[in-house]
Amino acid sequence: MSSRQARKQARQNGAKAAGTKSPAGIQQSSKNAIKHGLTSNMIVLTNESQAKFDELHQTYIETFQPANGVEMDLIDQMVASQWRLRRIWIMQTAALDLKMDQQETEITKQFNRIDQATRVTVAFNALANDEKSLDLLLRYETTYTRLYQRAMNTLIRLRRDNQTDENPPESITSEELRNDPPSPVAEPVSSPETASDSPEFTEAITQLSPDAREPQPKSTE
């Protein structure tokens, strides 16, 4: 079995496992995915909203409509990365708010008057330079963003490859080649021929001969 046939068979088996591609089948498949709760139990923290995660998961399923288990896994990776990315955003905001609260007494001693932008800057510098926690949060943000993009790119590439396999380019068969008319062959153009015994030929030779070009001297007898 060729690699193309193997991929086609795998898609067919995956489609049978995932159900039909009708809207009802996609909806039922998405409900089953949320009902199992495997991804949500591993991603959602106890102080986070399970309903919000399920809503996000359902949105991605309805948008991308996975055709098999492989596509469902990639969508789960996208949802998990997006959920954790949102968590990092919340943690960055909470870290800055917490640091500003912790610095409240010291800020009051150092400044008679301070605007909110400066307060955030002081807290940001403390998190970035002293505690290094902000740098850690930024690295996690970059990691989850890359994981999200990698899963999406893989899903897009997988679907593009599957579409190419389902619609291979048409090839010319040997039967079609046999039925094609042969290409016309250009015949060489023959140069005009002059018969050697014709009067025109004799006259042309006479004109070209040296005796014909030079006049004969007169005899002095």
N, C-alpha and C. Protein backbone atom coordinates (compact mmCIF):
# COMPACT_ATOMS: atom_id res chain seq x y z
N MET A 1 0.85 -1.19 0.00
CA MET A 1 0.00 0.00 0.00
C MET A 1 0.89 1.24 0.00
N SER A 2 0.63 2.16 -0.92
CA SER A 2 1.42 3.38 -1.00
C SER A 2 1.09 4.30 0.17
N SER A 3 1.97 5.31 0.35
CA SER A 3 1.75 6.26 1.45
C SER A 3 0.46 7.05 1.24
N ARG A 4 0.12 7.37 -0.01
CA ARG A 4 -1.12 8.09 -0.27
C ARG A 4 -2.33 7.24 0.07
N GLN A 5 -2.28 5.98 -0.29
CA GLN A 5 -3.39 5.08 0.04
C GLN A 5 -3.49 4.88 1.55
N ALA A 6 -2.34 4.84 2.22
CA ALA A 6 -2.36 4.67 3.67
C ALA A 6 -2.99 5.87 4.36
N ARG A 7 -2.66 7.08 3.89
CA ARG A 7 -3.26 8.28 4.48
C ARG A 7 -4.76 8.34 4.21
N LYS A 8 -5.14 7.92 3.00
CA LYS A 8 -6.57 7.93 2.68
C LYS A 8 -7.33 6.95 3.56
N GLN A 9 -6.75 5.76 3.79
CA GLN A 9 -7.39 4.77 4.65
C GLN A 9 -7.47 5.27 6.08
N ALA A 10 -6.41 5.97 6.54
CA ALA A 10 -6.42 6.51 7.89
C ALA A 10 -7.51 7.56 8.06
N ARG A 11 -7.70 8.41 7.03
CA ARG A 11 -8.77 9.41 7.11
C ARG A 11 -10.14 8.75 7.16
N GLN A 12 -10.31 7.69 6.37
CA GLN A 12 -11.60 7.01 6.38
C GLN A 12 -11.87 6.38 7.75
N ASN A 13 -10.85 5.77 8.33
CA ASN A 13 -11.03 5.16 9.65
C ASN A 13 -11.30 6.23 10.70
N GLY A 14 -10.59 7.38 10.58
CA GLY A 14 -10.83 8.46 11.53
C GLY A 14 -12.22 9.03 11.40
N ALA A 15 -12.70 9.14 10.17
CA ALA A 15 -14.05 9.67 9.96
C ALA A 15 -15.09 8.73 10.56
N LYS A 16 -14.86 7.42 10.44
CA LYS A 16 -15.80 6.48 11.03
C LYS A 16 -15.81 6.60 12.56
N ALA A 17 -14.63 6.84 13.12
CA ALA A 17 -14.54 6.94 14.58
C ALA A 17 -15.14 8.24 15.08
N ALA A 18 -15.02 9.32 14.29
CA ALA A 18 -15.49 10.63 14.74
C ALA A 18 -16.95 10.87 14.41
N GLY A 19 -17.55 10.04 13.57
CA GLY A 19 -18.93 10.25 13.19
C GLY A 19 -19.05 10.95 11.86
N THR A 20 -20.25 11.28 11.47
CA THR A 20 -20.47 11.90 10.18
C THR A 20 -20.03 13.36 10.22
N LYS A 21 -19.94 13.96 9.03
CA LYS A 21 -19.55 15.35 8.93
C LYS A 21 -20.75 16.27 8.81
N SER A 22 -21.94 15.77 9.05
CA SER A 22 -23.12 16.61 9.03
C SER A 22 -23.11 17.53 10.25
N PRO A 23 -23.85 18.64 10.20
CA PRO A 23 -23.88 19.53 11.37
C PRO A 23 -24.31 18.81 12.64
N ALA A 24 -25.27 17.89 12.51
CA ALA A 24 -25.69 17.15 13.69
C ALA A 24 -24.57 16.26 14.21
N GLY A 25 -23.84 15.64 13.29
CA GLY A 25 -22.74 14.78 13.71
C GLY A 25 -21.62 15.57 14.36
N ILE A 26 -21.29 16.74 13.80
CA ILE A 26 -20.26 17.58 14.39
C ILE A 26 -20.68 18.05 15.77
N GLN A 27 -21.94 18.43 15.92
CA GLN A 27 -22.43 18.90 17.20
C GLN A 27 -22.40 17.79 18.24
N GLN A 28 -22.79 16.57 17.83
CA GLN A 28 -22.76 15.45 18.76
C GLN A 28 -21.34 15.11 19.15
N SER A 29 -20.43 15.17 18.17
CA SER A 29 -19.03 14.89 18.47
C SER A 29 -18.45 15.90 19.44
N SER A 30 -18.81 17.17 19.26
CA SER A 30 -18.31 18.19 20.16
C SER A 30 -18.87 18.01 21.56
N LYS A 31 -20.13 17.62 21.66
CA LYS A 31 -20.71 17.37 22.97
C LYS A 31 -20.02 16.22 23.67
N ASN A 32 -19.69 15.18 22.91
CA ASN A 32 -18.99 14.05 23.50
C ASN A 32 -17.61 14.45 23.99
N ALA A 33 -16.93 15.31 23.22
CA ALA A 33 -15.60 15.74 23.63
C ALA A 33 -15.65 16.50 24.95
N ILE A 34 -16.65 17.35 25.12
CA ILE A 34 -16.76 18.11 26.36
C ILE A 34 -17.27 17.21 27.49
N LYS A 35 -18.12 16.25 27.13
CA LYS A 35 -18.69 15.37 28.14
C LYS A 35 -17.62 14.52 28.80
N HIS A 36 -16.64 14.06 28.01
CA HIS A 36 -15.57 13.26 28.60
C HIS A 36 -14.77 14.08 29.61
N GLY A 37 -14.55 15.34 29.32
CA GLY A 37 -13.90 16.22 30.28
C GLY A 37 -12.44 15.93 30.52
N LEU A 38 -11.79 15.17 29.64
CA LEU A 38 -10.39 14.82 29.87
C LEU A 38 -9.50 16.06 29.80
N THR A 39 -9.70 16.86 28.76
CA THR A 39 -8.87 18.05 28.61
C THR A 39 -9.18 19.08 29.68
N SER A 40 -10.43 19.30 29.95
CA SER A 40 -10.79 20.34 30.91
C SER A 40 -10.28 20.01 32.31
N ASN A 41 -10.33 18.76 32.71
CA ASN A 41 -9.86 18.39 34.04
C ASN A 41 -8.36 18.60 34.19
N MET A 42 -7.63 18.54 33.08
CA MET A 42 -6.19 18.73 33.15
C MET A 42 -5.79 20.18 32.99
N ILE A 43 -6.67 21.03 32.51
CA ILE A 43 -6.32 22.41 32.20
C ILE A 43 -6.90 23.40 33.21
N VAL A 44 -8.16 23.24 33.53
CA VAL A 44 -8.87 24.23 34.35
C VAL A 44 -8.50 24.06 35.82
N LEU A 45 -8.10 25.17 36.47
CA LEU A 45 -7.80 25.17 37.89
C LEU A 45 -9.09 25.26 38.70
N THR A 46 -8.98 24.97 39.98
CA THR A 46 -10.18 24.95 40.82
C THR A 46 -10.79 26.34 40.99
N ASN A 47 -9.96 27.38 40.86
CA ASN A 47 -10.48 28.75 40.99
C ASN A 47 -10.78 29.38 39.63
N GLU A 48 -10.79 28.58 38.56
CA GLU A 48 -11.13 29.07 37.23
C GLU A 48 -12.51 28.56 36.83
N SER A 49 -13.08 29.17 35.82
CA SER A 49 -14.44 28.85 35.41
C SER A 49 -14.44 27.68 34.44
N GLN A 50 -15.04 26.58 34.86
CA GLN A 50 -15.19 25.43 33.97
C GLN A 50 -16.12 25.75 32.81
N ALA A 51 -17.14 26.53 33.08
CA ALA A 51 -18.09 26.90 32.03
C ALA A 51 -17.42 27.75 30.95
N LYS A 52 -16.52 28.65 31.34
CA LYS A 52 -15.81 29.47 30.37
C LYS A 52 -14.90 28.62 29.51
N PHE A 53 -14.25 27.64 30.12
CA PHE A 53 -13.38 26.77 29.33
C PHE A 53 -14.20 25.94 28.34
N ASP A 54 -15.32 25.39 28.81
CA ASP A 54 -16.17 24.60 27.91
C ASP A 54 -16.70 25.45 26.76
N GLU A 55 -17.02 26.70 27.05
CA GLU A 55 -17.49 27.60 25.99
C GLU A 55 -16.39 27.86 24.98
N LEU A 56 -15.16 28.07 25.45
CA LEU A 56 -14.03 28.27 24.54
C LEU A 56 -13.78 27.02 23.70
N HIS A 57 -13.83 25.87 24.35
CA HIS A 57 -13.62 24.60 23.65
C HIS A 57 -14.68 24.40 22.57
N GLN A 58 -15.92 24.65 22.92
CA GLN A 58 -17.01 24.48 21.98
C GLN A 58 -16.89 25.44 20.80
N THR A 59 -16.44 26.65 21.05
CA THR A 59 -16.27 27.63 19.98
C THR A 59 -15.25 27.15 18.96
N TYR A 60 -14.13 26.61 19.43
CA TYR A 60 -13.11 26.11 18.51
C TYR A 60 -13.61 24.90 17.73
N ILE A 61 -14.37 24.04 18.37
CA ILE A 61 -14.90 22.86 17.67
C ILE A 61 -15.88 23.28 16.58
N GLU A 62 -16.76 24.22 16.89
CA GLU A 62 -17.71 24.68 15.88
C GLU A 62 -17.03 25.45 14.75
N THR A 63 -15.94 26.12 15.06
CA THR A 63 -15.23 26.90 14.04
C THR A 63 -14.44 25.99 13.10
N PHE A 64 -13.70 25.04 13.64
CA PHE A 64 -12.81 24.20 12.83
C PHE A 64 -13.45 22.87 12.42
N GLN A 65 -14.50 22.43 13.14
CA GLN A 65 -15.22 21.21 12.79
C GLN A 65 -14.26 20.04 12.51
N PRO A 66 -13.69 19.48 13.53
CA PRO A 66 -12.72 18.39 13.34
C PRO A 66 -13.36 17.19 12.65
N ALA A 67 -12.63 16.60 11.70
CA ALA A 67 -13.13 15.45 10.94
C ALA A 67 -12.70 14.13 11.54
N ASN A 68 -11.70 14.12 12.42
CA ASN A 68 -11.22 12.87 13.00
C ASN A 68 -10.51 13.17 14.31
N GLY A 69 -10.01 12.11 14.93
CA GLY A 69 -9.37 12.26 16.22
C GLY A 69 -8.09 13.07 16.17
N VAL A 70 -7.36 12.99 15.08
CA VAL A 70 -6.11 13.75 14.96
C VAL A 70 -6.40 15.25 14.95
N GLU A 71 -7.38 15.66 14.18
CA GLU A 71 -7.74 17.08 14.15
C GLU A 71 -8.29 17.53 15.50
N MET A 72 -9.00 16.63 16.20
CA MET A 72 -9.52 16.97 17.52
C MET A 72 -8.39 17.20 18.50
N ASP A 73 -7.33 16.39 18.42
CA ASP A 73 -6.18 16.57 19.30
C ASP A 73 -5.51 17.93 19.05
N LEU A 74 -5.39 18.31 17.79
CA LEU A 74 -4.78 19.60 17.48
C LEU A 74 -5.63 20.76 17.99
N ILE A 75 -6.94 20.62 17.89
CA ILE A 75 -7.82 21.66 18.42
C ILE A 75 -7.72 21.72 19.94
N ASP A 76 -7.60 20.57 20.60
CA ASP A 76 -7.41 20.56 22.05
C ASP A 76 -6.12 21.29 22.43
N GLN A 77 -5.06 21.09 21.63
CA GLN A 77 -3.81 21.79 21.91
C GLN A 77 -3.98 23.30 21.76
N MET A 78 -4.71 23.72 20.75
CA MET A 78 -4.95 25.14 20.56
C MET A 78 -5.75 25.72 21.72
N VAL A 79 -6.78 25.01 22.14
CA VAL A 79 -7.61 25.50 23.24
C VAL A 79 -6.81 25.56 24.53
N ALA A 80 -6.03 24.51 24.80
CA ALA A 80 -5.22 24.49 26.02
C ALA A 80 -4.21 25.63 26.03
N SER A 81 -3.57 25.86 24.90
CA SER A 81 -2.58 26.94 24.82
C SER A 81 -3.25 28.30 24.99
N GLN A 82 -4.41 28.47 24.37
CA GLN A 82 -5.12 29.74 24.49
C GLN A 82 -5.59 29.98 25.92
N TRP A 83 -6.08 28.93 26.58
CA TRP A 83 -6.55 29.07 27.97
C TRP A 83 -5.38 29.43 28.89
N ARG A 84 -4.27 28.75 28.73
CA ARG A 84 -3.10 29.04 29.56
C ARG A 84 -2.52 30.41 29.23
N LEU A 85 -2.62 30.82 27.98
CA LEU A 85 -2.15 32.14 27.61
C LEU A 85 -2.98 33.22 28.30
N ARG A 86 -4.29 33.03 28.34
CA ARG A 86 -5.14 33.97 29.05
C ARG A 86 -4.81 33.98 30.55
N ARG A 87 -4.50 32.83 31.08
CA ARG A 87 -4.12 32.75 32.49
C ARG A 87 -2.86 33.57 32.76
N ILE A 88 -1.88 33.48 31.86
CA ILE A 88 -0.65 34.25 32.01
C ILE A 88 -0.94 35.74 31.98
N TRP A 89 -1.84 36.16 31.10
CA TRP A 89 -2.20 37.57 31.05
C TRP A 89 -2.80 38.04 32.38
N ILE A 90 -3.66 37.19 32.95
CA ILE A 90 -4.27 37.53 34.24
C ILE A 90 -3.20 37.61 35.32
N MET A 91 -2.26 36.66 35.28
CA MET A 91 -1.19 36.63 36.29
C MET A 91 -0.28 37.85 36.16
N GLN A 92 -0.01 38.29 34.97
CA GLN A 92 0.81 39.49 34.78
C GLN A 92 0.13 40.71 35.40
N THR A 93 -1.17 40.84 35.14
CA THR A 93 -1.91 41.96 35.71
C THR A 93 -1.97 41.86 37.23
N ALA A 94 -2.22 40.65 37.73
CA ALA A 94 -2.31 40.47 39.18
C ALA A 94 -0.96 40.71 39.86
N ALA A 95 0.14 40.31 39.20
CA ALA A 95 1.47 40.53 39.77
C ALA A 95 1.77 42.02 39.90
N LEU A 96 1.41 42.79 38.91
CA LEU A 96 1.64 44.23 38.97
C LEU A 96 0.75 44.87 40.04
N ASP A 97 -0.51 44.47 40.11
CA ASP A 97 -1.40 45.01 41.15
C ASP A 97 -0.88 44.67 42.54
N LEU A 98 -0.43 43.43 42.70
CA LEU A 98 0.08 43.02 44.01
C LEU A 98 1.33 43.79 44.40
N LYS A 99 2.22 43.97 43.46
CA LYS A 99 3.45 44.71 43.76
C LYS A 99 3.16 46.16 44.09
N MET A 100 2.20 46.77 43.39
CA MET A 100 1.84 48.15 43.71
C MET A 100 1.26 48.25 45.11
N ASP A 101 0.47 47.24 45.51
CA ASP A 101 -0.07 47.25 46.87
C ASP A 101 1.04 47.09 47.90
N GLN A 102 1.99 46.23 47.61
CA GLN A 102 3.10 46.01 48.54
C GLN A 102 3.99 47.24 48.66
N GLN A 103 4.08 48.02 47.62
CA GLN A 103 4.93 49.21 47.61
C GLN A 103 4.21 50.46 48.09
N GLU A 104 2.95 50.32 48.49
CA GLU A 104 2.15 51.50 48.82
C GLU A 104 2.80 52.32 49.93
N THR A 105 3.23 51.67 50.99
CA THR A 105 3.82 52.41 52.12
C THR A 105 5.12 53.09 51.72
N GLU A 106 5.96 52.36 51.00
CA GLU A 106 7.24 52.93 50.58
C GLU A 106 7.05 54.07 49.58
N ILE A 107 6.08 53.93 48.71
CA ILE A 107 5.82 54.98 47.73
C ILE A 107 5.35 56.25 48.43
N THR A 108 4.54 56.11 49.47
CA THR A 108 4.03 57.28 50.21
C THR A 108 5.17 58.03 50.89
N LYS A 109 6.17 57.28 51.35
CA LYS A 109 7.31 57.92 52.00
C LYS A 109 8.21 58.65 51.00
N GLN A 110 8.38 58.07 49.82
CA GLN A 110 9.32 58.62 48.86
C GLN A 110 8.73 59.75 48.02
N PHE A 111 7.42 59.67 47.77
CA PHE A 111 6.81 60.65 46.86
C PHE A 111 5.68 61.37 47.57
N ASN A 112 5.68 62.68 47.44
CA ASN A 112 4.54 63.46 47.93
C ASN A 112 3.34 63.32 47.00
N ARG A 113 3.67 63.18 45.71
CA ARG A 113 2.60 63.01 44.71
C ARG A 113 3.14 62.14 43.59
N ILE A 114 2.36 61.17 43.15
CA ILE A 114 2.80 60.25 42.10
C ILE A 114 1.60 59.87 41.23
N ASP A 115 1.80 59.85 39.94
CA ASP A 115 0.72 59.47 39.03
C ASP A 115 0.70 57.94 38.88
N GLN A 116 -0.38 57.45 38.33
CA GLN A 116 -0.57 56.00 38.25
C GLN A 116 0.42 55.34 37.28
N ALA A 117 0.78 56.01 36.23
CA ALA A 117 1.75 55.45 35.29
C ALA A 117 3.10 55.22 35.95
N THR A 118 3.49 56.17 36.81
CA THR A 118 4.76 56.01 37.53
C THR A 118 4.67 54.87 38.53
N ARG A 119 3.56 54.71 39.16
CA ARG A 119 3.38 53.60 40.10
C ARG A 119 3.54 52.26 39.40
N VAL A 120 2.93 52.13 38.24
CA VAL A 120 3.07 50.89 37.47
C VAL A 120 4.52 50.67 37.06
N THR A 121 5.20 51.74 36.68
CA THR A 121 6.60 51.62 36.26
C THR A 121 7.48 51.16 37.40
N VAL A 122 7.27 51.68 38.58
CA VAL A 122 8.06 51.26 39.75
C VAL A 122 7.80 49.80 40.06
N ALA A 123 6.55 49.39 39.99
CA ALA A 123 6.22 47.98 40.25
C ALA A 123 6.80 47.08 39.17
N PHE A 124 6.72 47.53 37.92
CA PHE A 124 7.27 46.76 36.81
C PHE A 124 8.78 46.56 36.96
N ASN A 125 9.50 47.61 37.33
CA ASN A 125 10.95 47.51 37.51
C ASN A 125 11.29 46.54 38.64
N ALA A 126 10.50 46.57 39.68
CA ALA A 126 10.76 45.65 40.80
C ALA A 126 10.55 44.20 40.38
N LEU A 127 9.50 43.94 39.62
CA LEU A 127 9.23 42.57 39.17
C LEU A 127 10.26 42.12 38.15
N ALA A 128 10.70 43.03 37.29
CA ALA A 128 11.62 42.65 36.22
C ALA A 128 13.05 42.53 36.71
N ASN A 129 13.48 43.42 37.58
CA ASN A 129 14.89 43.46 37.98
C ASN A 129 15.17 42.70 39.27
N ASP A 130 14.29 42.83 40.25
CA ASP A 130 14.57 42.24 41.56
C ASP A 130 14.07 40.81 41.67
N GLU A 131 12.83 40.58 41.33
CA GLU A 131 12.22 39.26 41.56
C GLU A 131 12.27 38.36 40.33
N LYS A 132 12.46 38.90 39.15
CA LYS A 132 12.53 38.13 37.90
C LYS A 132 11.23 37.41 37.57
N SER A 133 10.18 37.66 38.30
CA SER A 133 8.93 36.94 38.06
C SER A 133 8.28 37.38 36.74
N LEU A 134 8.40 38.66 36.43
CA LEU A 134 7.80 39.14 35.19
C LEU A 134 8.47 38.52 33.97
N ASP A 135 9.79 38.34 34.05
CA ASP A 135 10.51 37.70 32.94
C ASP A 135 10.04 36.26 32.76
N LEU A 136 9.78 35.58 33.86
CA LEU A 136 9.28 34.21 33.78
C LEU A 136 7.90 34.17 33.14
N LEU A 137 7.05 35.11 33.51
CA LEU A 137 5.71 35.15 32.92
C LEU A 137 5.78 35.45 31.42
N LEU A 138 6.69 36.32 31.03
CA LEU A 138 6.84 36.63 29.61
C LEU A 138 7.34 35.42 28.82
N ARG A 139 8.21 34.62 29.42
CA ARG A 139 8.69 33.41 28.73
C ARG A 139 7.56 32.40 28.56
N TYR A 140 6.72 32.27 29.57
CA TYR A 140 5.58 31.37 29.43
C TYR A 140 4.59 31.88 28.38
N GLU A 141 4.43 33.19 28.32
CA GLU A 141 3.54 33.76 27.30
C GLU A 141 4.05 33.43 25.91
N THR A 142 5.36 33.57 25.70
CA THR A 142 5.96 33.23 24.41
C THR A 142 5.80 31.75 24.10
N THR A 143 5.99 30.90 25.10
CA THR A 143 5.88 29.46 24.89
C THR A 143 4.47 29.06 24.47
N TYR A 144 3.47 29.56 25.16
CA TYR A 144 2.09 29.19 24.84
C TYR A 144 1.67 29.76 23.49
N THR A 145 2.18 30.93 23.15
CA THR A 145 1.87 31.49 21.84
C THR A 145 2.44 30.62 20.73
N ARG A 146 3.65 30.13 20.91
CA ARG A 146 4.27 29.26 19.91
C ARG A 146 3.54 27.92 19.81
N LEU A 147 3.13 27.38 20.94
CA LEU A 147 2.39 26.12 20.92
C LEU A 147 1.07 26.28 20.17
N TYR A 148 0.41 27.40 20.41
CA TYR A 148 -0.86 27.67 19.71
C TYR A 148 -0.63 27.76 18.20
N GLN A 149 0.36 28.54 17.78
CA GLN A 149 0.63 28.70 16.36
C GLN A 149 1.07 27.38 15.73
N ARG A 150 1.85 26.59 16.44
CA ARG A 150 2.31 25.32 15.89
C ARG A 150 1.14 24.37 15.66
N ALA A 151 0.21 24.30 16.63
CA ALA A 151 -0.95 23.42 16.47
C ALA A 151 -1.83 23.89 15.32
N MET A 152 -2.04 25.19 15.20
CA MET A 152 -2.87 25.70 14.11
C MET A 152 -2.22 25.45 12.76
N ASN A 153 -0.93 25.71 12.65
CA ASN A 153 -0.23 25.48 11.38
C ASN A 153 -0.25 24.01 11.00
N THR A 154 -0.11 23.14 11.99
CA THR A 154 -0.17 21.70 11.71
C THR A 154 -1.55 21.30 11.21
N LEU A 155 -2.59 21.85 11.82
CA LEU A 155 -3.95 21.54 11.38
C LEU A 155 -4.19 22.03 9.96
N ILE A 156 -3.74 23.24 9.65
CA ILE A 156 -3.93 23.77 8.30
C ILE A 156 -3.16 22.94 7.29
N ARG A 157 -1.92 22.58 7.62
CA ARG A 157 -1.11 21.78 6.69
C ARG A 157 -1.71 20.39 6.49
N LEU A 158 -2.22 19.80 7.57
CA LEU A 158 -2.84 18.47 7.46
C LEU A 158 -4.05 18.51 6.55
N ARG A 159 -4.89 19.51 6.68
CA ARG A 159 -6.07 19.61 5.84
C ARG A 159 -5.70 19.90 4.39
N ARG A 160 -4.67 20.69 4.19
CA ARG A 160 -4.24 20.96 2.82
C ARG A 160 -3.70 19.70 2.16
N ASP A 161 -2.93 18.91 2.90
CA ASP A 161 -2.41 17.66 2.34
C ASP A 161 -3.53 16.67 2.06
N ASN A 162 -4.51 16.62 2.96
CA ASN A 162 -5.64 15.71 2.74
C ASN A 162 -6.45 16.12 1.52
N GLN A 163 -6.62 17.42 1.33
CA GLN A 163 -7.36 17.89 0.16
C GLN A 163 -6.62 17.57 -1.12
N THR A 164 -5.30 17.65 -1.09
CA THR A 164 -4.50 17.31 -2.26
C THR A 164 -4.61 15.83 -2.58
N ASP A 165 -4.62 14.98 -1.54
CA ASP A 165 -4.75 13.55 -1.77
C ASP A 165 -6.12 13.18 -2.32
N GLU A 166 -7.16 13.89 -1.87
CA GLU A 166 -8.51 13.59 -2.34
C GLU A 166 -8.74 14.07 -3.77
N ASN A 167 -8.00 15.09 -4.20
CA ASN A 167 -8.14 15.63 -5.55
C ASN A 167 -6.78 15.64 -6.24
N PRO A 168 -6.27 14.46 -6.60
CA PRO A 168 -4.96 14.41 -7.25
C PRO A 168 -5.03 15.01 -8.65
N PRO A 169 -3.95 15.56 -9.14
CA PRO A 169 -3.96 16.12 -10.50
C PRO A 169 -4.14 15.02 -11.54
N GLU A 170 -4.93 15.34 -12.58
CA GLU A 170 -5.20 14.36 -13.62
C GLU A 170 -3.94 14.11 -14.44
N SER A 171 -3.68 12.82 -14.70
CA SER A 171 -2.51 12.44 -15.48
C SER A 171 -2.96 11.88 -16.83
N ILE A 172 -2.13 12.04 -17.83
CA ILE A 172 -2.44 11.56 -19.18
C ILE A 172 -2.09 10.08 -19.25
N THR A 173 -3.06 9.27 -19.63
CA THR A 173 -2.85 7.83 -19.71
C THR A 173 -2.21 7.46 -21.04
N SER A 174 -1.69 6.24 -21.09
CA SER A 174 -1.08 5.76 -22.33
C SER A 174 -2.11 5.60 -23.44
N GLU A 175 -3.37 5.29 -23.06
CA GLU A 175 -4.41 5.17 -24.06
C GLU A 175 -4.68 6.50 -24.73
N GLU A 176 -4.66 7.61 -23.91
CA GLU A 176 -4.88 8.93 -24.47
C GLU A 176 -3.73 9.33 -25.39
N LEU A 177 -2.53 8.91 -25.01
CA LEU A 177 -1.38 9.22 -25.85
C LEU A 177 -1.48 8.50 -27.20
N ARG A 178 -1.96 7.24 -27.19
CA ARG A 178 -2.10 6.49 -28.43
C ARG A 178 -3.18 7.08 -29.33
N ASN A 179 -4.21 7.67 -28.71
CA ASN A 179 -5.31 8.21 -29.51
C ASN A 179 -5.01 9.60 -30.06
N ASP A 180 -3.99 10.25 -29.53
CA ASP A 180 -3.66 11.58 -30.03
C ASP A 180 -3.12 11.49 -31.45
N PRO A 181 -3.54 12.36 -32.33
CA PRO A 181 -2.99 12.34 -33.71
C PRO A 181 -1.52 12.70 -33.69
N PRO A 182 -0.74 12.08 -34.60
CA PRO A 182 0.70 12.40 -34.62
C PRO A 182 0.94 13.82 -35.07
N SER A 183 1.99 14.35 -34.56
CA SER A 183 2.34 15.73 -34.92
C SER A 183 2.78 15.78 -36.37
N PRO A 184 2.34 16.79 -37.11
CA PRO A 184 2.75 16.89 -38.53
C PRO A 184 4.25 17.11 -38.64
N VAL A 185 4.85 16.41 -39.62
CA VAL A 185 6.29 16.53 -39.87
C VAL A 185 6.50 17.45 -41.06
N ALA A 186 7.28 18.44 -40.87
CA ALA A 186 7.52 19.41 -41.94
C ALA A 186 8.41 18.77 -43.00
N GLU A 187 7.96 18.82 -44.26
CA GLU A 187 8.73 18.26 -45.35
C GLU A 187 9.77 19.27 -45.82
N PRO A 188 10.96 18.80 -46.16
CA PRO A 188 12.00 19.74 -46.62
C PRO A 188 11.61 20.38 -47.95
N VAL A 189 11.90 21.62 -48.07
CA VAL A 189 11.59 22.37 -49.29
C VAL A 189 12.70 22.13 -50.29
N SER A 190 12.33 21.57 -51.41
CA SER A 190 13.32 21.26 -52.44
C SER A 190 13.66 22.50 -53.25
N SER A 191 14.92 22.64 -53.55
CA SER A 191 15.35 23.78 -54.36
C SER A 191 14.99 23.53 -55.83
N PRO A 192 14.68 24.55 -56.54
CA PRO A 192 14.31 24.34 -57.96
C PRO A 192 15.48 23.75 -58.73
N GLU A 193 15.17 22.75 -59.53
CA GLU A 193 16.19 22.06 -60.31
C GLU A 193 16.12 22.51 -61.78
N THR A 194 17.27 22.60 -62.37
CA THR A 194 17.36 22.99 -63.79
C THR A 194 17.95 21.83 -64.58
N ALA A 195 17.27 21.38 -65.56
CA ALA A 195 17.75 20.24 -66.35
C ALA A 195 19.03 20.61 -67.07
N SER A 196 20.00 19.67 -67.04
CA SER A 196 21.30 19.97 -67.66
C SER A 196 21.23 20.04 -69.19
N ASP A 197 20.19 19.42 -69.80
CA ASP A 197 20.09 19.44 -71.25
C ASP A 197 19.12 20.50 -71.78
N SER A 198 18.67 21.42 -70.86
CA SER A 198 17.73 22.43 -71.31
C SER A 198 18.46 23.59 -71.94
N PRO A 199 17.80 24.34 -72.84
CA PRO A 199 18.45 25.51 -73.46
C PRO A 199 18.86 26.55 -72.45
N GLU A 200 18.09 26.75 -71.41
CA GLU A 200 18.44 27.74 -70.39
C GLU A 200 19.75 27.38 -69.72
N PHE A 201 19.93 26.10 -69.42
CA PHE A 201 21.16 25.66 -68.77
C PHE A 201 22.37 25.89 -69.67
N THR A 202 22.22 25.54 -70.96
CA THR A 202 23.33 25.71 -71.92
C THR A 202 23.70 27.17 -72.06
N GLU A 203 22.69 28.05 -72.10
CA GLU A 203 22.97 29.48 -72.24
C GLU A 203 23.66 30.04 -71.02
N ALA A 204 23.26 29.57 -69.81
CA ALA A 204 23.88 30.07 -68.58
C ALA A 204 25.33 29.65 -68.51
N ILE A 205 25.67 28.42 -68.91
CA ILE A 205 27.04 27.95 -68.90
C ILE A 205 27.88 28.75 -69.88
N THR A 206 27.29 29.05 -71.04
CA THR A 206 28.02 29.81 -72.07
C THR A 206 28.36 31.20 -71.59
N GLN A 207 27.46 31.83 -70.88
CA GLN A 207 27.70 33.18 -70.38
C GLN A 207 28.73 33.21 -69.29
N LEU A 208 28.84 32.14 -68.50
CA LEU A 208 29.79 32.10 -67.39
C LEU A 208 31.19 31.68 -67.82
N SER A 209 31.38 31.13 -69.01
CA SER A 209 32.69 30.66 -69.45
C SER A 209 33.57 31.85 -69.78
N PRO A 210 34.93 31.74 -69.55
CA PRO A 210 35.83 32.87 -69.86
C PRO A 210 35.82 33.24 -71.32
N ASP A 211 35.69 32.24 -72.18
CA ASP A 211 35.68 32.54 -73.61
C ASP A 211 34.51 33.40 -74.01
N ALA A 212 33.40 33.20 -73.28
CA ALA A 212 32.21 33.97 -73.62
C ALA A 212 32.32 35.40 -73.13
N ARG A 213 33.09 35.63 -72.01
CA ARG A 213 33.18 36.97 -71.46
C ARG A 213 34.20 37.83 -72.21
N GLU A 214 35.31 37.23 -72.74
CA GLU A 214 36.35 38.01 -73.41
C GLU A 214 36.16 37.92 -74.92
N PRO A 215 36.27 39.01 -75.63
CA PRO A 215 36.10 38.97 -77.10
C PRO A 215 37.32 38.33 -77.76
N GLN A 216 37.14 37.59 -78.82
CA GLN A 216 38.23 36.91 -79.55
C GLN A 216 38.98 37.93 -80.43
N PRO A 217 40.36 37.88 -80.41
CA PRO A 217 41.11 38.84 -81.27
C PRO A 217 40.91 38.52 -82.73
N LYS A 218 40.93 39.55 -83.53
CA LYS A 218 40.77 39.38 -84.98
C LYS A 218 42.08 38.89 -85.60
N SER A 219 41.97 38.04 -86.53
CA SER A 219 43.15 37.50 -87.20
C SER A 219 43.66 38.53 -88.22
N THR A 220 45.03 38.60 -88.38
CA THR A 220 45.63 39.56 -89.32
C THR A 220 46.26 38.84 -90.49
N GLU A 221 45.47 38.23 -91.22
CA GLU A 221 45.99 37.53 -92.41
C GLU A 221 45.87 38.44 -93.60
